[in-house]
Amino acid sequence: MASDGKTKRGLPSSFHISVPQSVASGPVDLGEYLDEPPPPPRVARPATPAHEPESRIVTFPRAEPPVESPAPPRVSRPMAPPHPVREEAAPPVLHDFLPGKKQSRKQVNMNPETLQMVDELIDQICTQCVQSDVKGSELFHALVSTLYEAREYLDFSQVKPRGKWGSPTAKAFPVSLKNAFRTAIAERLRFNRQ
């Protein structure tokens, strides 16, 4: 710094830059982005000793293979004769609660109005039924079973497409499904009474 309070701007006088004449004489060739870079220069590696010092060798204990116990002899059981098949087969069972078998699950999302209706139905079933702790999954299973038994009578020709969310057709879609379900269940009951 100068003693008069002014600072000298720019590079110091000791700064020096050296540009090769080949670069300064014309445009620089930067290449293209697809050009491969030149291979790195080969550097001679120092010769490795043929024998590593023993202090660097680490040996891990090997795990012994597990001893297998002999399997018990298989006892063959006679197979039960197959059940005779009737002309009219029973509908398949919708639940299969065998121990050890993984149950598949589905999630049912409900709007507040539907959730309130489900809660009121469960309360009514619990107060009027012998079983006082009916679960929502049991209610849903009973409803699906009823509809499944009437699936032959389902007619969705009057159900209009849902349309965009919030549109009148989207709001009417569950009602149209309900009407198709109700008609199918009524047709099945009428057919069974004949």
Protein backbone atom coordinates (compact mmCIF):
# COMPACT_ATOMS: atom_id res chain seq x y z
CA MET A 1 0.00 0.00 0.00
CA ALA A 2 1.10 3.46 -0.70
CA SER A 3 1.56 5.79 2.18
CA ASP A 4 -0.51 8.54 0.54
CA GLY A 5 -3.76 6.55 1.10
CA LYS A 6 -4.27 5.55 -2.54
CA THR A 7 -4.22 1.87 -3.52
CA LYS A 8 -2.86 0.74 -6.84
CA ARG A 9 -5.43 -1.13 -8.89
CA GLY A 10 -4.80 -4.06 -11.25
CA LEU A 11 -2.23 -6.83 -11.23
CA PRO A 12 0.95 -6.37 -9.29
CA SER A 13 4.03 -5.57 -11.30
CA SER A 14 5.56 -8.92 -10.35
CA PHE A 15 2.77 -10.85 -12.20
CA HIS A 16 3.85 -12.43 -15.51
CA ILE A 17 1.88 -14.61 -17.92
CA SER A 18 3.44 -16.74 -20.63
CA VAL A 19 1.18 -17.77 -23.55
CA PRO A 20 2.59 -20.16 -26.18
CA GLN A 21 2.92 -18.62 -29.65
CA SER A 22 0.81 -21.44 -31.22
CA VAL A 23 -2.17 -20.39 -29.13
CA ALA A 24 -1.71 -16.68 -29.56
CA SER A 25 -1.27 -16.84 -33.36
CA GLY A 26 -4.75 -18.12 -34.26
CA PRO A 27 -8.05 -19.58 -33.06
CA VAL A 28 -7.91 -22.31 -30.46
CA ASP A 29 -9.19 -25.79 -31.43
CA LEU A 30 -11.29 -26.94 -28.48
CA GLY A 31 -12.50 -30.11 -30.21
CA GLU A 32 -16.00 -31.52 -30.02
CA TYR A 33 -17.80 -32.94 -27.06
CA LEU A 34 -17.68 -36.43 -28.62
CA ASP A 35 -13.91 -36.43 -28.97
CA GLU A 36 -12.25 -38.95 -26.74
CA PRO A 37 -9.77 -37.56 -24.28
CA PRO A 38 -6.19 -38.62 -24.88
CA PRO A 39 -5.14 -41.66 -22.90
CA PRO A 40 -3.42 -40.86 -19.63
CA PRO A 41 0.34 -41.07 -19.73
CA ARG A 42 1.71 -44.40 -18.62
CA VAL A 43 3.52 -44.28 -15.37
CA ALA A 44 5.86 -47.10 -14.57
CA ARG A 45 4.74 -48.85 -11.43
CA PRO A 46 7.30 -49.85 -8.91
CA ALA A 47 8.03 -53.55 -8.91
CA THR A 48 6.07 -55.38 -6.24
CA PRO A 49 7.97 -57.73 -4.05
CA ALA A 50 7.28 -61.41 -4.71
CA HIS A 51 6.67 -62.04 -1.05
CA GLU A 52 4.42 -59.83 1.09
CA PRO A 53 5.36 -59.46 4.71
CA GLU A 54 3.39 -61.80 6.94
CA SER A 55 2.21 -58.92 9.11
CA ARG A 56 -0.25 -57.90 6.37
CA ILE A 57 -1.83 -61.30 5.89
CA VAL A 58 -5.10 -61.70 7.74
CA THR A 59 -6.82 -65.06 7.91
CA PHE A 60 -10.41 -65.40 9.00
CA PRO A 61 -11.65 -68.56 10.66
CA ARG A 62 -13.89 -70.59 8.39
CA ALA A 63 -17.34 -71.50 9.57
CA GLU A 64 -17.88 -75.18 9.93
CA PRO A 65 -20.71 -76.55 7.79
CA PRO A 66 -23.88 -77.22 9.80
CA VAL A 67 -24.50 -80.78 10.74
CA GLU A 68 -27.76 -81.95 9.24
CA SER A 69 -29.88 -84.26 11.27
CA PRO A 70 -31.33 -87.16 9.36
CA ALA A 71 -34.87 -86.49 8.16
CA PRO A 72 -37.61 -88.64 9.69
CA PRO A 73 -38.94 -91.28 7.33
CA ARG A 74 -41.97 -90.18 5.32
CA VAL A 75 -45.17 -91.94 6.12
CA SER A 76 -47.46 -92.33 3.16
CA ARG A 77 -51.11 -91.77 3.93
CA PRO A 78 -53.88 -93.11 1.76
CA MET A 79 -55.67 -90.37 -0.16
CA ALA A 80 -59.32 -89.80 0.48
CA PRO A 81 -61.58 -90.60 -2.45
CA PRO A 82 -62.74 -87.51 -4.36
CA HIS A 83 -66.15 -86.13 -3.59
CA PRO A 84 -68.76 -86.83 -6.23
CA VAL A 85 -69.43 -83.83 -8.42
CA ARG A 86 -73.04 -82.71 -8.63
CA GLU A 87 -74.62 -81.13 -11.67
CA GLU A 88 -74.92 -77.77 -9.93
CA ALA A 89 -71.62 -76.91 -8.22
CA ALA A 90 -71.68 -74.73 -5.15
CA PRO A 91 -70.24 -71.22 -5.54
CA PRO A 92 -66.62 -70.91 -4.43
CA VAL A 93 -66.01 -69.93 -0.83
CA LEU A 94 -64.84 -66.34 -0.60
CA HIS A 95 -62.88 -66.84 2.59
CA ASP A 96 -60.22 -69.35 3.34
CA PHE A 97 -58.96 -69.00 6.87
CA LEU A 98 -56.45 -71.83 6.91
CA PRO A 99 -53.67 -71.35 9.45
CA GLY A 100 -50.35 -70.54 7.85
CA LYS A 101 -51.90 -69.27 4.62
CA LYS A 102 -51.26 -65.59 3.96
CA GLN A 103 -54.45 -63.61 3.46
CA SER A 104 -54.53 -61.02 0.70
CA ARG A 105 -55.90 -57.64 1.72
CA LYS A 106 -57.59 -54.77 -0.05
CA GLN A 107 -58.03 -51.26 1.29
CA VAL A 108 -61.41 -49.58 1.05
CA ASN A 109 -61.38 -45.79 1.03
CA MET A 110 -64.62 -44.12 2.12
CA ASN A 111 -65.80 -40.57 2.10
CA PRO A 112 -67.20 -39.18 5.39
CA GLU A 113 -70.81 -39.87 4.39
CA THR A 114 -70.09 -43.54 3.58
CA LEU A 115 -68.04 -43.93 6.74
CA GLN A 116 -70.95 -42.61 8.80
CA MET A 117 -73.35 -45.05 7.08
CA VAL A 118 -70.98 -47.96 7.82
CA ASP A 119 -70.71 -46.93 11.47
CA GLU A 120 -74.52 -46.66 11.80
CA LEU A 121 -74.98 -50.08 10.17
CA ILE A 122 -72.43 -51.68 12.52
CA ASP A 123 -74.14 -50.07 15.52
CA GLN A 124 -77.53 -51.36 14.36
CA ILE A 125 -76.16 -54.88 13.80
CA CYS A 126 -74.45 -54.87 17.21
CA THR A 127 -77.62 -53.76 19.03
CA GLN A 128 -80.02 -56.11 17.21
CA CYS A 129 -77.77 -59.15 16.77
CA VAL A 130 -76.66 -61.75 19.29
CA GLN A 131 -73.05 -60.90 18.47
CA SER A 132 -72.31 -57.52 20.01
CA ASP A 133 -68.84 -56.91 18.55
CA VAL A 134 -69.38 -57.03 14.78
CA LYS A 135 -66.45 -55.69 12.77
CA GLY A 136 -66.49 -53.61 9.61
CA SER A 137 -64.66 -56.36 7.70
CA GLU A 138 -67.46 -58.80 8.58
CA LEU A 139 -70.09 -56.36 7.36
CA PHE A 140 -68.19 -55.81 4.13
CA HIS A 141 -67.69 -59.57 3.66
CA ALA A 142 -71.43 -60.19 4.06
CA LEU A 143 -72.28 -57.47 1.52
CA VAL A 144 -69.77 -58.75 -1.03
CA SER A 145 -70.99 -62.34 -0.52
CA THR A 146 -74.58 -61.25 -1.20
CA LEU A 147 -73.58 -59.42 -4.37
CA TYR A 148 -71.30 -62.27 -5.47
CA GLU A 149 -74.18 -64.74 -5.28
CA ALA A 150 -76.27 -62.44 -7.51
CA ARG A 151 -73.49 -61.79 -10.06
CA GLU A 152 -75.37 -63.69 -12.80
CA TYR A 153 -78.08 -61.01 -12.73
CA LEU A 154 -75.77 -57.99 -12.78
CA ASP A 155 -76.53 -55.63 -15.67
CA PHE A 156 -74.32 -52.56 -16.03
CA SER A 157 -75.80 -51.32 -19.31
CA GLN A 158 -77.52 -48.38 -17.55
CA VAL A 159 -74.38 -47.28 -15.66
CA LYS A 160 -72.91 -44.15 -17.23
CA PRO A 161 -69.13 -43.49 -17.24
CA ARG A 162 -67.77 -41.72 -14.16
CA GLY A 163 -66.33 -38.70 -15.98
CA LYS A 164 -64.17 -36.03 -14.39
CA TRP A 165 -63.83 -35.77 -10.63
CA GLY A 166 -66.55 -33.54 -9.16
CA SER A 167 -68.77 -33.70 -12.24
CA PRO A 168 -72.45 -34.72 -11.95
CA THR A 169 -71.70 -38.05 -13.66
CA ALA A 170 -68.94 -38.76 -11.13
CA LYS A 171 -71.36 -38.09 -8.27
CA ALA A 172 -74.04 -40.28 -9.90
CA PHE A 173 -71.68 -43.21 -10.59
CA PRO A 174 -71.97 -44.86 -7.11
CA VAL A 175 -75.76 -44.44 -7.24
CA SER A 176 -75.89 -46.16 -10.65
CA LEU A 177 -73.78 -49.03 -9.30
CA LYS A 178 -76.06 -49.28 -6.27
CA ASN A 179 -79.12 -49.54 -8.50
CA ALA A 180 -77.49 -52.28 -10.60
CA PHE A 181 -76.53 -54.19 -7.43
CA ARG A 182 -80.00 -53.83 -5.91
CA THR A 183 -81.71 -55.01 -9.11
CA ALA A 184 -79.42 -58.06 -9.35
CA ILE A 185 -80.04 -59.07 -5.71
CA ALA A 186 -83.82 -58.62 -6.15
CA GLU A 187 -83.77 -60.73 -9.35
CA ARG A 188 -81.86 -63.50 -7.59
CA LEU A 189 -84.31 -63.53 -4.67
CA ARG A 190 -87.26 -63.60 -7.08
CA PHE A 191 -85.71 -66.47 -9.03
CA ASN A 192 -85.04 -68.48 -5.84
CA ARG A 193 -88.68 -68.13 -4.70
CA GLN A 194 -90.03 -69.63 -7.91
